[in-house]
Amino acid sequence: MRNSQQPESSVRNEMSARQTRTATDAASPSVIPFAERVTCTVAAACQATGLGRTKLYELIGAGKLATTTIGRRRLVLVRSLRHLLRADGPEAEG
């Protein structure tokens, strides 16, 4: 292989990879940081808190965690989740 062919093919590959990344980035939605979200799924709440699904549903049933249901999907209000986990929240006092 001649040296003049190597840079040309690597430039082509680099340009192709850059175009692919740009197309992929444009197609994917922007990621919203967890603290800025309005709602999250129960699975995401479990992952963020380290609590299990059963415990989260117990908190929901006890009225300590606010949720909303859209169709068949239950979403946890992140504001409520953050309030529950605050160190100076009502559960930390007593």
Protein backbone atom coordinates (compact mmCIF):
# COMPACT_ATOMS: atom_id res chain seq x y z
CA MET A 1 0.00 0.00 0.00
CA ARG A 2 1.29 3.43 -0.82
CA ASN A 3 1.61 6.07 1.85
CA SER A 4 -0.55 8.48 -0.11
CA GLN A 5 -3.52 6.09 0.12
CA GLN A 6 -3.43 5.61 3.89
CA PRO A 7 -4.19 9.18 4.94
CA GLU A 8 -6.98 9.48 2.38
CA SER A 9 -8.78 6.37 3.63
CA SER A 10 -8.31 7.31 7.28
CA VAL A 11 -9.68 10.80 6.57
CA ARG A 12 -12.70 9.24 4.87
CA ASN A 13 -13.28 6.90 7.83
CA GLU A 14 -12.92 9.75 10.30
CA MET A 15 -15.39 11.91 8.36
CA SER A 16 -17.85 9.03 8.14
CA ALA A 17 -17.62 8.39 11.89
CA ARG A 18 -18.13 12.09 12.61
CA GLN A 19 -21.20 12.20 10.36
CA THR A 20 -22.61 9.09 12.03
CA ARG A 21 -22.12 10.59 15.51
CA THR A 22 -23.80 13.83 14.44
CA ALA A 23 -26.77 11.97 12.97
CA THR A 24 -27.09 9.80 16.09
CA ASP A 25 -26.84 12.80 18.42
CA ALA A 26 -29.54 14.65 16.49
CA ALA A 27 -31.89 11.65 16.58
CA SER A 28 -31.56 10.98 20.33
CA PRO A 29 -33.43 13.20 22.79
CA SER A 30 -31.40 15.32 25.17
CA VAL A 31 -30.88 13.79 28.57
CA ILE A 32 -32.41 15.75 31.45
CA PRO A 33 -30.52 15.50 34.76
CA PHE A 34 -32.50 13.51 37.32
CA ALA A 35 -32.92 16.43 39.75
CA GLU A 36 -34.46 18.56 36.98
CA ARG A 37 -37.02 15.96 35.89
CA VAL A 38 -40.66 16.38 36.81
CA THR A 39 -41.36 12.64 37.01
CA CYS A 40 -39.55 9.33 36.77
CA THR A 41 -40.55 5.70 36.52
CA VAL A 42 -40.73 3.48 39.57
CA ALA A 43 -37.67 1.62 38.25
CA ALA A 44 -35.71 4.89 37.94
CA ALA A 45 -36.79 5.88 41.47
CA CYS A 46 -35.53 2.52 42.75
CA GLN A 47 -32.20 3.02 41.03
CA ALA A 48 -31.82 6.61 42.25
CA THR A 49 -32.67 5.84 45.88
CA GLY A 50 -31.37 2.32 46.30
CA LEU A 51 -34.78 1.22 47.57
CA GLY A 52 -36.64 -1.79 46.25
CA ARG A 53 -39.93 -1.75 44.35
CA THR A 54 -41.83 -3.17 47.32
CA LYS A 55 -40.62 -0.42 49.65
CA LEU A 56 -41.42 2.28 47.10
CA TYR A 57 -44.94 0.94 46.66
CA GLU A 58 -45.33 0.84 50.47
CA LEU A 59 -44.33 4.53 50.60
CA ILE A 60 -46.78 5.31 47.79
CA GLY A 61 -49.57 3.44 49.60
CA ALA A 62 -48.80 5.25 52.86
CA GLY A 63 -49.08 8.61 51.07
CA LYS A 64 -45.43 9.51 51.68
CA LEU A 65 -44.54 9.50 47.99
CA ALA A 66 -46.61 11.30 45.36
CA THR A 67 -47.23 9.68 42.00
CA THR A 68 -49.34 10.25 38.95
CA THR A 69 -50.79 7.72 36.56
CA ILE A 70 -51.01 8.31 32.84
CA GLY A 71 -52.78 5.46 31.13
CA ARG A 72 -51.39 2.37 32.83
CA ARG A 73 -48.04 3.95 33.60
CA ARG A 74 -47.28 5.11 37.16
CA LEU A 75 -44.80 7.96 37.43
CA VAL A 76 -43.16 9.16 40.64
CA LEU A 77 -42.96 12.92 41.16
CA VAL A 78 -39.27 13.65 41.57
CA ARG A 79 -40.06 16.62 43.83
CA SER A 80 -41.83 14.23 46.21
CA LEU A 81 -38.95 11.75 46.07
CA ARG A 82 -36.41 14.48 46.85
CA HIS A 83 -38.57 15.75 49.73
CA LEU A 84 -38.81 12.25 51.18
CA LEU A 85 -35.04 11.81 51.12
CA ARG A 86 -34.07 15.24 52.45
CA ALA A 87 -31.95 15.02 55.59
CA ASP A 88 -33.98 17.80 57.24
CA GLY A 89 -37.34 16.34 56.16
CA PRO A 90 -40.13 15.41 58.54
CA GLU A 91 -38.89 11.84 59.02
CA ALA A 92 -35.44 13.01 60.12
CA GLU A 93 -36.99 14.94 63.04
CA GLY A 94 -38.71 12.07 64.76
